[in-house]
Amino acid sequence: MKTKKTYKDFESAMQRLQEVTAQLESGEVKLEEAIELYTEGLEIARQCDLKLTEAEKKIKIIMEKNGRIEEEDFEEKDSRE
């Protein structure tokens, strides 16, 4: 079984996921290769989801309140709307 590859950034992972998807959609791969590609695609999608979750946690909305700059978690603003 292949070792899991990690990608240095979100964009390179997404590029590989698009390549995997194109190969699978072409219908020109053998069953065994399709299974490997599908498994790889699932792993890449999981890694991308983790990166997005991490990025979401880092997002801050800067607002000016009462003459001061305050930071507020993205999720907090989302829950008030």
PDB file of N, CA and C in Angstrom:
ATOM      1  N   MET A   1       0.833  -1.180   0.000  1.00  0.00           N
ATOM      2  CA  MET A   1       0.000   0.000   0.000  1.00  0.00           C
ATOM      3  C   MET A   1       0.878   1.244   0.000  1.00  0.00           C
ATOM      4  N   LYS A   2       0.470   2.257  -0.715  1.00  0.00           N
ATOM      5  CA  LYS A   2       1.237   3.491  -0.806  1.00  0.00           C
ATOM      6  C   LYS A   2       1.182   4.257   0.505  1.00  0.00           C
ATOM      7  N   THR A   3       2.281   4.998   0.755  1.00  0.00           N
ATOM      8  CA  THR A   3       2.265   5.869   1.925  1.00  0.00           C
ATOM      9  C   THR A   3       1.474   7.123   1.589  1.00  0.00           C
ATOM     10  N   LYS A   4       0.864   7.686   2.598  1.00  0.00           N
ATOM     11  CA  LYS A   4       0.056   8.881   2.391  1.00  0.00           C
ATOM     12  C   LYS A   4       0.961  10.069   2.156  1.00  0.00           C
ATOM     13  N   LYS A   5       0.679  10.818   1.102  1.00  0.00           N
ATOM     14  CA  LYS A   5       1.453  12.005   0.791  1.00  0.00           C
ATOM     15  C   LYS A   5       0.772  13.208   1.409  1.00  0.00           C
ATOM     16  N   THR A   6       1.563  14.086   1.989  1.00  0.00           N
ATOM     17  CA  THR A   6       1.017  15.338   2.474  1.00  0.00           C
ATOM     18  C   THR A   6       1.481  16.440   1.536  1.00  0.00           C
ATOM     19  N   TYR A   7       0.671  17.435   1.382  1.00  0.00           N
ATOM     20  CA  TYR A   7       0.953  18.525   0.452  1.00  0.00           C
ATOM     21  C   TYR A   7       1.362  19.754   1.225  1.00  0.00           C
ATOM     22  N   LYS A   8       2.317  20.502   0.654  1.00  0.00           N
ATOM     23  CA  LYS A   8       2.852  21.668   1.360  1.00  0.00           C
ATOM     24  C   LYS A   8       1.834  22.787   1.476  1.00  0.00           C
ATOM     25  N   ASP A   9       0.900  22.851   0.530  1.00  0.00           N
ATOM     26  CA  ASP A   9      -0.119  23.889   0.623  1.00  0.00           C
ATOM     27  C   ASP A   9      -1.443  23.404   0.030  1.00  0.00           C
ATOM     28  N   PHE A  10      -2.469  24.144   0.320  1.00  0.00           N
ATOM     29  CA  PHE A  10      -3.825  23.807  -0.100  1.00  0.00           C
ATOM     30  C   PHE A  10      -3.933  23.744  -1.625  1.00  0.00           C
ATOM     31  N   GLU A  11      -3.301  24.697  -2.287  1.00  0.00           N
ATOM     32  CA  GLU A  11      -3.408  24.791  -3.742  1.00  0.00           C
ATOM     33  C   GLU A  11      -2.815  23.580  -4.452  1.00  0.00           C
ATOM     34  N   SER A  12      -1.671  23.095  -3.975  1.00  0.00           N
ATOM     35  CA  SER A  12      -1.067  21.918  -4.614  1.00  0.00           C
ATOM     36  C   SER A  12      -1.915  20.671  -4.365  1.00  0.00           C
ATOM     37  N   ALA A  13      -2.523  20.592  -3.184  1.00  0.00           N
ATOM     38  CA  ALA A  13      -3.413  19.465  -2.898  1.00  0.00           C
ATOM     39  C   ALA A  13      -4.636  19.508  -3.814  1.00  0.00           C
ATOM     40  N   MET A  14      -5.205  20.688  -3.986  1.00  0.00           N
ATOM     41  CA  MET A  14      -6.376  20.821  -4.860  1.00  0.00           C
ATOM     42  C   MET A  14      -6.020  20.498  -6.309  1.00  0.00           C
ATOM     43  N   GLN A  15      -4.838  20.901  -6.738  1.00  0.00           N
ATOM     44  CA  GLN A  15      -4.410  20.603  -8.103  1.00  0.00           C
ATOM     45  C   GLN A  15      -4.328  19.089  -8.309  1.00  0.00           C
ATOM     46  N   ARG A  16      -3.745  18.383  -7.350  1.00  0.00           N
ATOM     47  CA  ARG A  16      -3.647  16.924  -7.460  1.00  0.00           C
ATOM     48  C   ARG A  16      -5.028  16.293  -7.420  1.00  0.00           C
ATOM     49  N   LEU A  17      -5.920  16.814  -6.580  1.00  0.00           N
ATOM     50  CA  LEU A  17      -7.280  16.288  -6.508  1.00  0.00           C
ATOM     51  C   LEU A  17      -7.995  16.455  -7.851  1.00  0.00           C
ATOM     52  N   GLN A  18      -7.773  17.573  -8.513  1.00  0.00           N
ATOM     53  CA  GLN A  18      -8.363  17.781  -9.841  1.00  0.00           C
ATOM     54  C   GLN A  18      -7.798  16.792 -10.857  1.00  0.00           C
ATOM     55  N   GLU A  19      -6.508  16.514 -10.765  1.00  0.00           N
ATOM     56  CA  GLU A  19      -5.885  15.528 -11.663  1.00  0.00           C
ATOM     57  C   GLU A  19      -6.483  14.137 -11.436  1.00  0.00           C
ATOM     58  N   VAL A  20      -6.634  13.769 -10.176  1.00  0.00           N
ATOM     59  CA  VAL A  20      -7.209  12.469  -9.839  1.00  0.00           C
ATOM     60  C   VAL A  20      -8.629  12.373 -10.366  1.00  0.00           C
ATOM     61  N   THR A  21      -9.399  13.422 -10.163  1.00  0.00           N
ATOM     62  CA  THR A  21     -10.786  13.448 -10.623  1.00  0.00           C
ATOM     63  C   THR A  21     -10.858  13.300 -12.139  1.00  0.00           C
ATOM     64  N   ALA A  22      -9.996  14.014 -12.848  1.00  0.00           N
ATOM     65  CA  ALA A  22      -9.987  13.935 -14.314  1.00  0.00           C
ATOM     66  C   ALA A  22      -9.654  12.518 -14.781  1.00  0.00           C
ATOM     67  N   GLN A  23      -8.702  11.883 -14.116  1.00  0.00           N
ATOM     68  CA  GLN A  23      -8.338  10.516 -14.489  1.00  0.00           C
ATOM     69  C   GLN A  23      -9.508   9.563 -14.265  1.00  0.00           C
ATOM     70  N   LEU A  24     -10.172   9.706 -13.133  1.00  0.00           N
ATOM     71  CA  LEU A  24     -11.303   8.828 -12.835  1.00  0.00           C
ATOM     72  C   LEU A  24     -12.463   9.070 -13.804  1.00  0.00           C
ATOM     73  N   GLU A  25     -12.718  10.331 -14.115  1.00  0.00           N
ATOM     74  CA  GLU A  25     -13.824  10.653 -15.020  1.00  0.00           C
ATOM     75  C   GLU A  25     -13.553  10.234 -16.454  1.00  0.00           C
ATOM     76  N   SER A  26     -12.276  10.069 -16.810  1.00  0.00           N
ATOM     77  CA  SER A  26     -11.943   9.686 -18.178  1.00  0.00           C
ATOM     78  C   SER A  26     -12.425   8.273 -18.502  1.00  0.00           C
ATOM     79  N   GLY A  27     -12.529   7.440 -17.464  1.00  0.00           N
ATOM     80  CA  GLY A  27     -12.947   6.062 -17.675  1.00  0.00           C
ATOM     81  C   GLY A  27     -11.890   5.197 -18.334  1.00  0.00           C
ATOM     82  N   GLU A  28     -10.675   5.704 -18.434  1.00  0.00           N
ATOM     83  CA  GLU A  28      -9.606   4.981 -19.124  1.00  0.00           C
ATOM     84  C   GLU A  28      -8.635   4.277 -18.185  1.00  0.00           C
ATOM     85  N   VAL A  29      -8.944   4.215 -16.899  1.00  0.00           N
ATOM     86  CA  VAL A  29      -8.047   3.550 -15.960  1.00  0.00           C
ATOM     87  C   VAL A  29      -8.609   2.184 -15.599  1.00  0.00           C
ATOM     88  N   LYS A  30      -7.715   1.263 -15.315  1.00  0.00           N
ATOM     89  CA  LYS A  30      -8.136  -0.081 -14.907  1.00  0.00           C
ATOM     90  C   LYS A  30      -8.726  -0.019 -13.508  1.00  0.00           C
ATOM     91  N   LEU A  31      -9.496  -1.021 -13.172  1.00  0.00           N
ATOM     92  CA  LEU A  31     -10.199  -1.058 -11.897  1.00  0.00           C
ATOM     93  C   LEU A  31      -9.264  -0.859 -10.705  1.00  0.00           C
ATOM     94  N   GLU A  32      -8.148  -1.572 -10.675  1.00  0.00           N
ATOM     95  CA  GLU A  32      -7.221  -1.472  -9.553  1.00  0.00           C
ATOM     96  C   GLU A  32      -6.667  -0.064  -9.417  1.00  0.00           C
ATOM     97  N   GLU A  33      -6.327   0.531 -10.554  1.00  0.00           N
ATOM     98  CA  GLU A  33      -5.819   1.906 -10.532  1.00  0.00           C
ATOM     99  C   GLU A  33      -6.916   2.880 -10.103  1.00  0.00           C
ATOM    100  N   ALA A  34      -8.134   2.636 -10.547  1.00  0.00           N
ATOM    101  CA  ALA A  34      -9.254   3.497 -10.165  1.00  0.00           C
ATOM    102  C   ALA A  34      -9.474   3.459  -8.656  1.00  0.00           C
ATOM    103  N   ILE A  35      -9.348   2.286  -8.068  1.00  0.00           N
ATOM    104  CA  ILE A  35      -9.512   2.165  -6.617  1.00  0.00           C
ATOM    105  C   ILE A  35      -8.410   2.935  -5.886  1.00  0.00           C
ATOM    106  N   GLU A  36      -7.178   2.814  -6.368  1.00  0.00           N
ATOM    107  CA  GLU A  36      -6.065   3.561  -5.768  1.00  0.00           C
ATOM    108  C   GLU A  36      -6.276   5.067  -5.906  1.00  0.00           C
ATOM    109  N   LEU A  37      -6.693   5.496  -7.084  1.00  0.00           N
ATOM    110  CA  LEU A  37      -6.944   6.919  -7.310  1.00  0.00           C
ATOM    111  C   LEU A  37      -8.074   7.433  -6.425  1.00  0.00           C
ATOM    112  N   TYR A  38      -9.130   6.646  -6.315  1.00  0.00           N
ATOM    113  CA  TYR A  38     -10.268   7.033  -5.482  1.00  0.00           C
ATOM    114  C   TYR A  38      -9.834   7.175  -4.023  1.00  0.00           C
ATOM    115  N   THR A  39      -9.047   6.220  -3.543  1.00  0.00           N
ATOM    116  CA  THR A  39      -8.548   6.270  -2.172  1.00  0.00           C
ATOM    117  C   THR A  39      -7.660   7.494  -1.969  1.00  0.00           C
ATOM    118  N   GLU A  40      -6.799   7.753  -2.939  1.00  0.00           N
ATOM    119  CA  GLU A  40      -5.936   8.941  -2.873  1.00  0.00           C
ATOM    120  C   GLU A  40      -6.783  10.210  -2.847  1.00  0.00           C
ATOM    121  N   GLY A  41      -7.786  10.259  -3.684  1.00  0.00           N
ATOM    122  CA  GLY A  41      -8.667  11.429  -3.731  1.00  0.00           C
ATOM    123  C   GLY A  41      -9.371  11.678  -2.412  1.00  0.00           C
ATOM    124  N   LEU A  42      -9.830  10.607  -1.776  1.00  0.00           N
ATOM    125  CA  LEU A  42     -10.482  10.754  -0.466  1.00  0.00           C
ATOM    126  C   LEU A  42      -9.510  11.309   0.567  1.00  0.00           C
ATOM    127  N   GLU A  43      -8.285  10.823   0.551  1.00  0.00           N
ATOM    128  CA  GLU A  43      -7.281  11.302   1.500  1.00  0.00           C
ATOM    129  C   GLU A  43      -6.943  12.775   1.249  1.00  0.00           C
ATOM    130  N   ILE A  44      -6.804  13.138  -0.004  1.00  0.00           N
ATOM    131  CA  ILE A  44      -6.515  14.543  -0.331  1.00  0.00           C
ATOM    132  C   ILE A  44      -7.680  15.428   0.107  1.00  0.00           C
ATOM    133  N   ALA A  45      -8.893  14.989  -0.150  1.00  0.00           N
ATOM    134  CA  ALA A  45     -10.069  15.762   0.251  1.00  0.00           C
ATOM    135  C   ALA A  45     -10.096  15.936   1.767  1.00  0.00           C
ATOM    136  N   ARG A  46      -9.730  14.900   2.507  1.00  0.00           N
ATOM    137  CA  ARG A  46      -9.683  14.989   3.970  1.00  0.00           C
ATOM    138  C   ARG A  46      -8.632  16.006   4.408  1.00  0.00           C
ATOM    139  N   GLN A  47      -7.455  15.966   3.777  1.00  0.00           N
ATOM    140  CA  GLN A  47      -6.398  16.924   4.107  1.00  0.00           C
ATOM    141  C   GLN A  47      -6.840  18.355   3.801  1.00  0.00           C
ATOM    142  N   CYS A  48      -7.502  18.537   2.666  1.00  0.00           N
ATOM    143  CA  CYS A  48      -7.982  19.873   2.295  1.00  0.00           C
ATOM    144  C   CYS A  48      -9.017  20.368   3.299  1.00  0.00           C
ATOM    145  N   ASP A  49      -9.899  19.487   3.719  1.00  0.00           N
ATOM    146  CA  ASP A  49     -10.904  19.859   4.699  1.00  0.00           C
ATOM    147  C   ASP A  49     -10.251  20.287   6.011  1.00  0.00           C
ATOM    148  N   LEU A  50      -9.220  19.567   6.428  1.00  0.00           N
ATOM    149  CA  LEU A  50      -8.502  19.939   7.644  1.00  0.00           C
ATOM    150  C   LEU A  50      -7.833  21.300   7.505  1.00  0.00           C
ATOM    151  N   LYS A  51      -7.228  21.547   6.335  1.00  0.00           N
ATOM    152  CA  LYS A  51      -6.584  22.844   6.107  1.00  0.00           C
ATOM    153  C   LYS A  51      -7.610  23.975   6.126  1.00  0.00           C
ATOM    154  N   LEU A  52      -8.777  23.739   5.531  1.00  0.00           N
ATOM    155  CA  LEU A  52      -9.819  24.760   5.544  1.00  0.00           C
ATOM    156  C   LEU A  52     -10.333  25.011   6.959  1.00  0.00           C
ATOM    157  N   THR A  53     -10.472  23.956   7.726  1.00  0.00           N
ATOM    158  CA  THR A  53     -10.921  24.098   9.111  1.00  0.00           C
ATOM    159  C   THR A  53      -9.916  24.905   9.917  1.00  0.00           C
ATOM    160  N   GLU A  54      -8.627  24.612   9.717  1.00  0.00           N
ATOM    161  CA  GLU A  54      -7.585  25.373  10.403  1.00  0.00           C
ATOM    162  C   GLU A  54      -7.622  26.835   9.991  1.00  0.00           C
ATOM    163  N   ALA A  55      -7.785  27.095   8.704  1.00  0.00           N
ATOM    164  CA  ALA A  55      -7.827  28.469   8.216  1.00  0.00           C
ATOM    165  C   ALA A  55      -9.025  29.208   8.785  1.00  0.00           C
ATOM    166  N   GLU A  56     -10.156  28.534   8.853  1.00  0.00           N
ATOM    167  CA  GLU A  56     -11.353  29.164   9.397  1.00  0.00           C
ATOM    168  C   GLU A  56     -11.148  29.586  10.841  1.00  0.00           C
ATOM    169  N   LYS A  57     -10.440  28.771  11.602  1.00  0.00           N
ATOM    170  CA  LYS A  57     -10.170  29.093  13.001  1.00  0.00           C
ATOM    171  C   LYS A  57      -9.288  30.328  13.122  1.00  0.00           C
ATOM    172  N   LYS A  58      -8.446  30.580  12.117  1.00  0.00           N
ATOM    173  CA  LYS A  58      -7.521  31.711  12.156  1.00  0.00           C
ATOM    174  C   LYS A  58      -8.162  33.017  11.683  1.00  0.00           C
ATOM    175  N   ILE A  59      -9.265  32.892  10.986  1.00  0.00           N
ATOM    176  CA  ILE A  59      -9.887  34.093  10.428  1.00  0.00           C
ATOM    177  C   ILE A  59     -10.436  34.963  11.547  1.00  0.00           C
ATOM    178  N   LYS A  60     -10.074  36.199  11.512  1.00  0.00           N
ATOM    179  CA  LYS A  60     -10.594  37.161  12.481  1.00  0.00           C
ATOM    180  C   LYS A  60     -11.242  38.310  11.713  1.00  0.00           C
ATOM    181  N   ILE A  61     -12.308  38.811  12.269  1.00  0.00           N
ATOM    182  CA  ILE A  61     -12.934  39.988  11.690  1.00  0.00           C
ATOM    183  C   ILE A  61     -12.565  41.166  12.573  1.00  0.00           C
ATOM    184  N   ILE A  62     -11.969  42.171  11.954  1.00  0.00           N
ATOM    185  CA  ILE A  62     -11.571  43.345  12.718  1.00  0.00           C
ATOM    186  C   ILE A  62     -12.676  44.383  12.574  1.00  0.00           C
ATOM    187  N   MET A  63     -13.122  44.818  13.707  1.00  0.00           N
ATOM    188  CA  MET A  63     -14.217  45.788  13.726  1.00  0.00           C
ATOM    189  C   MET A  63     -13.813  46.987  14.589  1.00  0.00           C
ATOM    190  N   GLU A  64     -14.324  48.110  14.248  1.00  0.00           N
ATOM    191  CA  GLU A  64     -14.088  49.275  15.082  1.00  0.00           C
ATOM    192  C   GLU A  64     -15.310  49.467  15.971  1.00  0.00           C
ATOM    193  N   LYS A  65     -15.083  49.387  17.261  1.00  0.00           N
ATOM    194  CA  LYS A  65     -16.157  49.555  18.239  1.00  0.00           C
ATOM    195  C   LYS A  65     -15.718  50.591  19.256  1.00  0.00           C
ATOM    196  N   ASN A  66     -16.558  51.524  19.507  1.00  0.00           N
ATOM    197  CA  ASN A  66     -16.302  52.526  20.550  1.00  0.00           C
ATOM    198  C   ASN A  66     -14.913  53.143  20.423  1.00  0.00           C
ATOM    199  N   GLY A  67     -14.494  53.419  19.199  1.00  0.00           N
ATOM    200  CA  GLY A  67     -13.210  54.066  18.983  1.00  0.00           C
ATOM    201  C   GLY A  67     -12.007  53.155  19.112  1.00  0.00           C
ATOM    202  N   ARG A  68     -12.221  51.868  19.343  1.00  0.00           N
ATOM    203  CA  ARG A  68     -11.117  50.917  19.468  1.00  0.00           C
ATOM    204  C   ARG A  68     -11.240  49.851  18.385  1.00  0.00           C
ATOM    205  N   ILE A  69     -10.125  49.301  18.009  1.00  0.00           N
ATOM    206  CA  ILE A  69     -10.113  48.172  17.083  1.00  0.00           C
ATOM    207  C   ILE A  69     -10.200  46.912  17.935  1.00  0.00           C
ATOM    208  N   GLU A  70     -11.161  46.079  17.638  1.00  0.00           N
ATOM    209  CA  GLU A  70     -11.319  44.821  18.363  1.00  0.00           C
ATOM    210  C   GLU A  70     -11.360  43.679  17.365  1.00  0.00           C
ATOM    211  N   GLU A  71     -10.822  42.561  17.780  1.00  0.00           N
ATOM    212  CA  GLU A  71     -10.878  41.359  16.951  1.00  0.00           C
ATOM    213  C   GLU A  71     -11.989  40.468  17.466  1.00  0.00           C
ATOM    214  N   GLU A  72     -12.623  39.812  16.529  1.00  0.00           N
ATOM    215  CA  GLU A  72     -13.742  38.950  16.874  1.00  0.00           C
ATOM    216  C   GLU A  72     -13.637  37.683  16.043  1.00  0.00           C
ATOM    217  N   ASP A  73     -13.829  36.534  16.648  1.00  0.00           N
ATOM    218  CA  ASP A  73     -13.781  35.286  15.903  1.00  0.00           C
ATOM    219  C   ASP A  73     -14.850  35.275  14.825  1.00  0.00           C
ATOM    220  N   PHE A  74     -14.512  34.703  13.691  1.00  0.00           N
ATOM    221  CA  PHE A  74     -15.435  34.618  12.565  1.00  0.00           C
ATOM    222  C   PHE A  74     -16.723  33.912  12.971  1.00  0.00           C
ATOM    223  N   GLU A  75     -16.605  32.822  13.714  1.00  0.00           N
ATOM    224  CA  GLU A  75     -17.771  32.051  14.117  1.00  0.00           C
ATOM    225  C   GLU A  75     -18.720  32.862  14.990  1.00  0.00           C
ATOM    226  N   GLU A  76     -18.181  33.732  15.844  1.00  0.00           N
ATOM    227  CA  GLU A  76     -19.021  34.551  16.701  1.00  0.00           C
ATOM    228  C   GLU A  76     -19.894  35.479  15.882  1.00  0.00           C
ATOM    229  N   LYS A  77     -19.332  36.111  14.870  1.00  0.00           N
ATOM    230  CA  LYS A  77     -20.095  37.011  14.010  1.00  0.00           C
ATOM    231  C   LYS A  77     -21.146  36.223  13.267  1.00  0.00           C
ATOM    232  N   ASP A  78     -20.788  35.049  12.788  1.00  0.00           N
ATOM    233  CA  ASP A  78     -21.686  34.191  12.042  1.00  0.00           C
ATOM    234  C   ASP A  78     -22.913  33.817  12.862  1.00  0.00           C
ATOM    235  N   SER A  79     -22.724  33.548  14.143  1.00  0.00           N
ATOM    236  CA  SER A  79     -23.830  33.094  14.980  1.00  0.00           C
ATOM    237  C   SER A  79     -24.821  34.204  15.299  1.00  0.00           C
ATOM    238  N   ARG A  80     -24.390  35.463  15.192  1.00  0.00           N
ATOM    239  CA  ARG A  80     -25.295  36.581  15.500  1.00  0.00           C
ATOM    240  C   ARG A  80     -26.192  36.928  14.330  1.00  0.00           C
ATOM    241  N   GLU A  81     -25.812  36.532  13.143  1.00  0.00           N
ATOM    242  CA  GLU A  81     -26.569  36.909  11.950  1.00  0.00           C
ATOM    243  C   GLU A  81     -27.773  36.029  11.741  1.00  0.00           C
TER     244      GLU A  81
END
